[in-house]
Amino acid sequence: MLKKQIAEMDVPEVPEFLTMLHDMGATLWACRMSVDMMGLDKDDMIDEVEDIINVSDFMELSDGAQVIFV
């Protein structure tokens, strides 16, 4: 159902959207807690994901930056 709604709204699917963000200069990180809870690792991420980081790493890396959660 969600894929149908996305297609109807002419919005790119999530992997394509993340690639677009990366190509525009965004840095992509995966959430350590979410990755661990889902039993995933770096090999499961799209190539554009720079690293898997925890909250304190994110706070340090993003200090003073414009932040958009996707």
N, C-alpha and C. Protein backbone atom coordinates (compact mmCIF):
# COMPACT_ATOMS: atom_id res chain seq x y z
N MET A 1 0.83 -1.19 0.00
CA MET A 1 0.00 0.00 0.00
C MET A 1 0.88 1.26 0.00
N LEU A 2 1.92 1.26 0.83
CA LEU A 2 2.80 2.43 0.92
C LEU A 2 3.51 2.69 -0.41
N LYS A 3 3.98 1.62 -1.07
CA LYS A 3 4.64 1.78 -2.36
C LYS A 3 3.69 2.38 -3.39
N LYS A 4 2.44 1.96 -3.35
CA LYS A 4 1.44 2.50 -4.28
C LYS A 4 1.22 3.99 -4.03
N GLN A 5 1.10 4.38 -2.76
CA GLN A 5 0.91 5.79 -2.43
C GLN A 5 2.11 6.63 -2.85
N ILE A 6 3.32 6.10 -2.64
CA ILE A 6 4.54 6.81 -3.05
C ILE A 6 4.54 7.01 -4.56
N ALA A 7 4.21 5.95 -5.30
CA ALA A 7 4.18 6.03 -6.77
C ALA A 7 3.13 7.04 -7.23
N GLU A 8 1.97 7.05 -6.61
CA GLU A 8 0.90 7.98 -6.98
C GLU A 8 1.30 9.43 -6.72
N MET A 9 2.14 9.66 -5.72
CA MET A 9 2.57 11.01 -5.38
C MET A 9 3.80 11.44 -6.18
N ASP A 10 4.30 10.55 -7.04
CA ASP A 10 5.49 10.82 -7.85
C ASP A 10 6.70 11.17 -6.98
N VAL A 11 6.84 10.44 -5.89
CA VAL A 11 7.96 10.59 -4.96
C VAL A 11 8.90 9.41 -5.18
N PRO A 12 10.20 9.63 -5.22
CA PRO A 12 11.11 8.49 -5.40
C PRO A 12 11.03 7.52 -4.22
N GLU A 13 11.25 6.24 -4.51
CA GLU A 13 11.28 5.25 -3.43
C GLU A 13 12.50 5.53 -2.56
N VAL A 14 12.49 5.01 -1.33
CA VAL A 14 13.49 5.35 -0.33
C VAL A 14 14.93 5.14 -0.82
N PRO A 15 15.29 3.97 -1.39
CA PRO A 15 16.69 3.82 -1.83
C PRO A 15 17.12 4.88 -2.86
N GLU A 16 16.23 5.18 -3.80
CA GLU A 16 16.53 6.20 -4.80
C GLU A 16 16.64 7.58 -4.15
N PHE A 17 15.76 7.87 -3.20
CA PHE A 17 15.77 9.15 -2.50
C PHE A 17 17.08 9.33 -1.73
N LEU A 18 17.52 8.27 -1.04
CA LEU A 18 18.77 8.34 -0.29
C LEU A 18 19.96 8.56 -1.22
N THR A 19 19.96 7.90 -2.36
CA THR A 19 21.03 8.09 -3.35
C THR A 19 21.03 9.54 -3.84
N MET A 20 19.85 10.09 -4.08
CA MET A 20 19.75 11.49 -4.51
C MET A 20 20.33 12.43 -3.45
N LEU A 21 19.99 12.18 -2.19
CA LEU A 21 20.52 13.01 -1.10
C LEU A 21 22.04 12.94 -1.06
N HIS A 22 22.58 11.74 -1.15
CA HIS A 22 24.03 11.55 -1.14
C HIS A 22 24.68 12.30 -2.30
N ASP A 23 24.09 12.19 -3.48
CA ASP A 23 24.63 12.85 -4.66
C ASP A 23 24.60 14.38 -4.53
N MET A 24 23.71 14.89 -3.68
CA MET A 24 23.63 16.34 -3.44
C MET A 24 24.56 16.78 -2.32
N GLY A 25 25.30 15.83 -1.73
CA GLY A 25 26.28 16.19 -0.71
C GLY A 25 25.91 15.81 0.70
N ALA A 26 24.77 15.16 0.90
CA ALA A 26 24.38 14.75 2.26
C ALA A 26 25.25 13.58 2.72
N THR A 27 25.50 13.52 4.01
CA THR A 27 26.19 12.39 4.62
C THR A 27 25.14 11.49 5.23
N LEU A 28 25.20 10.21 4.91
CA LEU A 28 24.23 9.25 5.42
C LEU A 28 24.88 8.31 6.43
N TRP A 29 24.26 8.23 7.60
CA TRP A 29 24.70 7.30 8.64
C TRP A 29 23.50 6.44 9.02
N ALA A 30 23.77 5.21 9.41
CA ALA A 30 22.73 4.33 9.94
C ALA A 30 22.78 4.37 11.46
N CYS A 31 21.63 4.21 12.08
CA CYS A 31 21.50 4.22 13.54
C CYS A 31 21.94 2.87 14.10
N ARG A 32 22.93 2.89 14.98
CA ARG A 32 23.48 1.66 15.58
C ARG A 32 22.38 0.85 16.27
N MET A 33 21.53 1.49 17.07
CA MET A 33 20.50 0.76 17.80
C MET A 33 19.52 0.09 16.84
N SER A 34 19.09 0.80 15.81
CA SER A 34 18.15 0.22 14.84
C SER A 34 18.78 -0.94 14.08
N VAL A 35 20.03 -0.76 13.66
CA VAL A 35 20.74 -1.81 12.93
C VAL A 35 20.88 -3.06 13.81
N ASP A 36 21.27 -2.87 15.07
CA ASP A 36 21.42 -4.00 15.98
C ASP A 36 20.09 -4.70 16.24
N MET A 37 19.02 -3.92 16.43
CA MET A 37 17.71 -4.50 16.71
C MET A 37 17.21 -5.34 15.53
N MET A 38 17.58 -4.96 14.33
CA MET A 38 17.12 -5.68 13.14
C MET A 38 18.09 -6.76 12.70
N GLY A 39 19.20 -6.93 13.43
CA GLY A 39 20.16 -7.97 13.10
C GLY A 39 20.90 -7.72 11.79
N LEU A 40 21.14 -6.45 11.49
CA LEU A 40 21.81 -6.07 10.25
C LEU A 40 23.26 -5.70 10.51
N ASP A 41 24.02 -5.49 9.44
CA ASP A 41 25.39 -4.96 9.56
C ASP A 41 25.67 -4.08 8.35
N LYS A 42 26.88 -3.55 8.25
CA LYS A 42 27.24 -2.59 7.20
C LYS A 42 27.00 -3.15 5.81
N ASP A 43 27.20 -4.45 5.63
CA ASP A 43 26.99 -5.07 4.31
C ASP A 43 25.54 -5.01 3.86
N ASP A 44 24.61 -4.84 4.80
CA ASP A 44 23.20 -4.75 4.48
C ASP A 44 22.78 -3.34 4.05
N MET A 45 23.64 -2.37 4.26
CA MET A 45 23.32 -0.98 3.95
C MET A 45 23.60 -0.69 2.47
N ILE A 46 22.94 0.36 1.96
CA ILE A 46 23.27 0.80 0.61
C ILE A 46 24.67 1.41 0.64
N ASP A 47 25.33 1.43 -0.50
CA ASP A 47 26.72 1.88 -0.56
C ASP A 47 26.91 3.30 -0.05
N GLU A 48 25.89 4.14 -0.15
CA GLU A 48 26.01 5.53 0.24
C GLU A 48 26.06 5.76 1.75
N VAL A 49 25.69 4.76 2.54
CA VAL A 49 25.76 4.89 4.00
C VAL A 49 27.22 4.87 4.41
N GLU A 50 27.65 5.98 5.02
CA GLU A 50 29.06 6.13 5.38
C GLU A 50 29.47 5.20 6.52
N ASP A 51 28.60 5.08 7.54
CA ASP A 51 28.96 4.26 8.69
C ASP A 51 27.71 4.00 9.53
N ILE A 52 27.84 3.11 10.48
CA ILE A 52 26.80 2.86 11.47
C ILE A 52 27.29 3.48 12.77
N ILE A 53 26.52 4.44 13.29
CA ILE A 53 26.99 5.20 14.45
C ILE A 53 25.93 5.22 15.55
N ASN A 54 26.38 5.48 16.78
CA ASN A 54 25.45 5.60 17.90
C ASN A 54 25.06 7.07 18.09
N VAL A 55 24.17 7.31 19.03
CA VAL A 55 23.63 8.65 19.24
C VAL A 55 24.72 9.66 19.62
N SER A 56 25.61 9.28 20.51
CA SER A 56 26.64 10.24 20.93
C SER A 56 27.57 10.58 19.77
N ASP A 57 27.89 9.60 18.92
CA ASP A 57 28.69 9.90 17.72
C ASP A 57 27.96 10.87 16.82
N PHE A 58 26.65 10.63 16.63
CA PHE A 58 25.86 11.50 15.77
C PHE A 58 25.83 12.93 16.31
N MET A 59 25.64 13.07 17.61
CA MET A 59 25.60 14.41 18.20
C MET A 59 26.92 15.14 17.97
N GLU A 60 28.02 14.44 18.10
CA GLU A 60 29.33 15.04 17.90
C GLU A 60 29.56 15.40 16.42
N LEU A 61 29.25 14.47 15.54
CA LEU A 61 29.47 14.69 14.10
C LEU A 61 28.57 15.77 13.51
N SER A 62 27.38 15.90 14.06
CA SER A 62 26.41 16.84 13.47
C SER A 62 26.35 18.19 14.19
N ASP A 63 27.22 18.42 15.15
CA ASP A 63 27.23 19.67 15.89
C ASP A 63 27.34 20.86 14.93
N GLY A 64 26.34 21.71 14.93
CA GLY A 64 26.34 22.89 14.10
C GLY A 64 25.90 22.67 12.67
N ALA A 65 25.54 21.45 12.31
CA ALA A 65 25.15 21.14 10.93
C ALA A 65 23.63 21.22 10.78
N GLN A 66 23.18 21.32 9.53
CA GLN A 66 21.76 21.19 9.24
C GLN A 66 21.44 19.69 9.23
N VAL A 67 20.46 19.28 10.02
CA VAL A 67 20.15 17.87 10.18
C VAL A 67 18.75 17.58 9.67
N ILE A 68 18.64 16.54 8.84
CA ILE A 68 17.36 16.09 8.33
C ILE A 68 17.27 14.59 8.62
N PHE A 69 16.23 14.18 9.35
CA PHE A 69 16.04 12.76 9.64
C PHE A 69 15.15 12.17 8.57
N VAL A 70 15.59 11.05 7.97
CA VAL A 70 14.79 10.36 6.96
C VAL A 70 14.56 8.95 7.42
